[in-house]
Amino acid sequence: MEEIIIKRISEVSDSKVSDIYIDSLLEENLKLDNLDVVELCFDLESKLKITIDYNMLYKIKTVGDLISYIKNITQ
């Protein structure tokens, strides 16, 4: 699952997968704006067959936050 999330972040942010770390900040390090994050979440919902609570997006600051959130909702 982590690989899918990081690969999709790479595609949305135009960053190399090798440049994306668990502690990478979505906005500051990867230059994702709010629209990019929503697009990313829509795609992950489709690929992973999950439903993301969009009210939680303001709490997700890093790649690790996103991975942890998705792991928690799929358990």
Protein backbone atom coordinates (compact mmCIF):
# COMPACT_ATOMS: atom_id res chain seq x y z
CA MET A 1 0.00 0.00 0.00
CA GLU A 2 2.82 2.43 0.84
CA GLU A 3 4.28 1.93 -2.63
CA ILE A 4 0.97 2.84 -4.28
CA ILE A 5 0.63 5.98 -2.17
CA ILE A 6 4.20 7.13 -2.77
CA LYS A 7 3.99 6.41 -6.51
CA ARG A 8 0.81 8.46 -6.78
CA ILE A 9 2.35 11.31 -4.77
CA SER A 10 5.28 11.20 -7.19
CA GLU A 11 2.94 11.54 -10.15
CA VAL A 12 0.97 14.42 -8.65
CA SER A 13 4.02 16.30 -7.37
CA ASP A 14 6.35 15.64 -10.32
CA SER A 15 8.91 14.37 -7.79
CA LYS A 16 10.96 11.21 -8.13
CA VAL A 17 9.87 8.34 -5.92
CA SER A 18 13.40 8.27 -4.52
CA ASP A 19 12.96 11.90 -3.37
CA ILE A 20 9.82 11.18 -1.35
CA TYR A 21 10.30 10.29 2.30
CA ILE A 22 7.92 9.44 5.14
CA ASP A 23 8.63 12.82 6.74
CA SER A 24 8.31 14.81 3.48
CA LEU A 25 5.85 17.66 3.94
CA LEU A 26 3.16 17.59 1.26
CA GLU A 27 3.00 21.37 0.82
CA GLU A 28 6.48 22.59 1.69
CA ASN A 29 8.70 19.78 0.37
CA LEU A 30 6.57 18.31 -2.41
CA LYS A 31 4.85 21.56 -3.45
CA LEU A 32 1.34 20.11 -3.38
CA ASP A 33 -1.45 22.64 -3.05
CA ASN A 34 -4.92 21.86 -1.67
CA LEU A 35 -6.27 20.90 -5.08
CA ASP A 36 -3.36 18.49 -5.62
CA VAL A 37 -4.05 16.84 -2.26
CA VAL A 38 -7.74 16.42 -3.10
CA GLU A 39 -6.85 14.98 -6.51
CA LEU A 40 -4.41 12.60 -4.83
CA CYS A 41 -7.07 11.47 -2.36
CA PHE A 42 -9.69 10.91 -5.10
CA ASP A 43 -7.22 8.73 -6.96
CA LEU A 44 -6.22 6.78 -3.85
CA GLU A 45 -9.87 6.19 -3.01
CA SER A 46 -10.37 4.68 -6.44
CA LYS A 47 -7.17 2.61 -6.47
CA LEU A 48 -7.45 1.34 -2.89
CA LYS A 49 -11.26 1.07 -2.72
CA ILE A 50 -11.45 3.26 0.38
CA THR A 51 -13.38 6.34 1.48
CA ILE A 52 -11.36 9.25 2.85
CA ASP A 53 -12.94 11.70 5.29
CA TYR A 54 -12.09 15.00 3.63
CA ASN A 55 -12.58 16.80 6.95
CA MET A 56 -9.37 15.06 8.06
CA LEU A 57 -7.21 16.48 5.26
CA TYR A 58 -6.18 19.52 7.28
CA LYS A 59 -4.46 17.16 9.75
CA ILE A 60 -2.43 15.38 7.07
CA LYS A 61 0.85 17.25 6.70
CA THR A 62 3.39 14.59 5.71
CA VAL A 63 3.58 11.50 3.53
CA GLY A 64 3.71 9.46 6.74
CA ASP A 65 0.52 11.11 8.02
CA LEU A 66 -1.29 10.10 4.83
CA ILE A 67 0.02 6.54 4.94
CA SER A 68 -0.91 6.19 8.63
CA TYR A 69 -4.39 7.59 8.04
CA ILE A 70 -5.04 5.20 5.15
CA LYS A 71 -3.69 2.23 7.12
CA ASN A 72 -6.00 3.13 10.03
CA ILE A 73 -9.13 3.31 7.89
CA THR A 74 -8.38 0.01 6.15
CA GLN A 75 -8.00 -2.02 9.34
